[in-house]
Protein backbone atom coordinates (compact mmCIF):
# COMPACT_ATOMS: atom_id res chain seq x y z
CA MET A 1 -4.40 3.00 19.66
CA GLN A 2 -4.42 6.68 19.00
CA ILE A 3 -1.61 9.05 19.92
CA THR A 4 -1.83 12.81 19.74
CA ILE A 5 1.39 14.75 19.31
CA ASP A 6 1.58 18.54 19.29
CA LEU A 7 4.46 19.71 17.11
CA PRO A 8 5.70 23.27 16.67
CA ASP A 9 4.27 24.97 13.58
CA ASN A 10 7.73 25.81 12.26
CA LEU A 11 8.57 22.12 11.64
CA HIS A 12 6.44 22.00 8.49
CA LEU A 13 5.83 18.26 8.85
CA THR A 14 2.72 16.63 7.51
CA GLU A 15 1.01 13.71 9.20
CA ALA A 16 2.37 11.52 6.40
CA ASP A 17 5.93 12.68 7.14
CA VAL A 18 5.56 11.89 10.83
CA ARG A 19 4.06 8.46 10.11
CA ILE A 20 6.94 7.58 7.77
CA GLU A 21 9.62 8.72 10.21
CA LEU A 22 7.97 6.87 13.08
CA ALA A 23 7.66 3.72 10.98
CA ILE A 24 11.36 3.89 10.08
CA VAL A 25 12.44 4.32 13.69
CA LEU A 26 10.21 1.49 14.92
CA TYR A 27 11.51 -0.75 12.12
CA GLN A 28 15.12 0.07 13.00
CA GLN A 29 14.44 -0.74 16.66
CA HIS A 30 12.92 -4.09 15.62
CA SER A 31 9.62 -3.00 17.17
CA LEU A 32 7.77 -3.44 13.86
CA ARG A 33 8.23 -5.95 11.05
CA LEU A 34 8.63 -4.63 7.53
CA ASP A 35 4.97 -5.17 6.60
CA LYS A 36 3.64 -3.48 9.74
CA ALA A 37 6.06 -0.56 9.39
CA ALA A 38 4.95 -0.08 5.78
CA GLN A 39 1.33 -0.18 6.92
CA LEU A 40 2.04 2.51 9.55
CA ALA A 41 3.76 4.63 6.89
CA VAL A 42 0.74 4.10 4.60
CA MET A 43 3.01 2.77 1.88
CA SER A 44 3.29 -0.47 -0.03
CA VAL A 45 5.87 -2.86 1.35
CA ASP A 46 7.95 -2.48 -1.82
CA ASP A 47 7.90 1.33 -1.64
CA PHE A 48 8.78 1.30 2.05
CA TYR A 49 11.63 -1.13 1.39
CA GLN A 50 12.93 1.14 -1.39
CA LEU A 51 12.80 4.08 1.04
CA LEU A 52 14.87 2.06 3.52
CA ILE A 53 17.40 1.33 0.77
CA SER A 54 17.56 5.00 -0.24
CA ARG A 55 18.31 5.94 3.36
CA HIS A 56 20.96 3.22 3.65
CA ILE A 57 19.02 1.41 6.39
CA VAL A 58 18.93 -1.87 4.48
CA THR A 59 21.24 -3.11 1.77
CA PRO A 60 19.77 -4.09 -1.56
CA PRO A 61 20.48 -7.64 -2.78
CA ALA A 62 23.66 -8.05 -4.82
CA ASP A 63 21.65 -9.63 -7.65
CA PRO A 64 18.75 -7.40 -8.72
CA ASP A 65 16.78 -10.52 -9.70
CA ASP A 66 16.89 -11.82 -6.11
CA GLU A 67 13.93 -10.95 -3.94
CA PRO A 68 15.08 -10.24 -0.35
CA ALA A 69 13.71 -12.80 2.11
CA GLU A 70 12.22 -10.01 4.20
CA LEU A 71 10.13 -8.81 1.25
CA VAL A 72 8.96 -12.35 0.48
CA LEU A 73 7.90 -12.87 4.09
CA ALA A 74 6.10 -9.52 4.18
CA SER A 75 4.26 -10.41 0.99
CA LEU A 76 3.23 -13.78 2.42
CA ARG A 77 1.98 -12.13 5.62
CA THR A 78 -0.04 -9.63 3.61
CA SER A 79 -1.52 -12.40 1.48
CA LEU A 80 -2.48 -14.45 4.53
CA GLN A 81 -4.11 -11.40 6.11
CA GLN A 82 -6.11 -10.77 2.95
CA ILE A 83 -7.26 -14.40 2.96
CA LYS A 84 -8.36 -14.08 6.59
CA GLU A 85 -10.33 -10.95 5.65
CA GLY A 86 -12.01 -12.76 2.77
CA LYS A 87 -10.24 -10.66 0.16
CA VAL A 88 -9.65 -13.53 -2.25
CA HIS A 89 -10.23 -13.90 -5.97
CA PRO A 90 -10.81 -17.05 -7.98
CA ILE A 91 -7.61 -18.22 -9.61
CA SER A 92 -9.27 -17.89 -13.01
CA GLU A 93 -9.35 -14.11 -12.49
CA LEU A 94 -5.60 -14.03 -12.05
CA TRP A 95 -5.08 -15.25 -15.60
CA GLU A 96 -7.77 -13.17 -17.36
CA SER A 97 -5.33 -10.41 -18.25
CA PHE A 98 -3.08 -12.96 -19.96
CA SER A 99 -5.79 -14.38 -22.23
CA ILE A 100 -5.02 -14.37 -25.93
């Protein structure tokens, strides 16, 4: 789907700004899941989640070592999508950077 929006020149908004704001609104309205909203905003899920925290839209976990369930689910969805698209790597490649 493509949408064209004419905005006044004095708004000084970039396409990236509009995409981010739209993604936030659609996420808040439960129209988009976290991973899809991040994709619309052209951001990583983690960066988009941090933006939501900075705007007080979501609350960070009490324990910084805890990964919010929403982020885990978004990561799993992204991984499954990559598998469907054939974007997989042999497990041996995952450990190459840890070789001694």
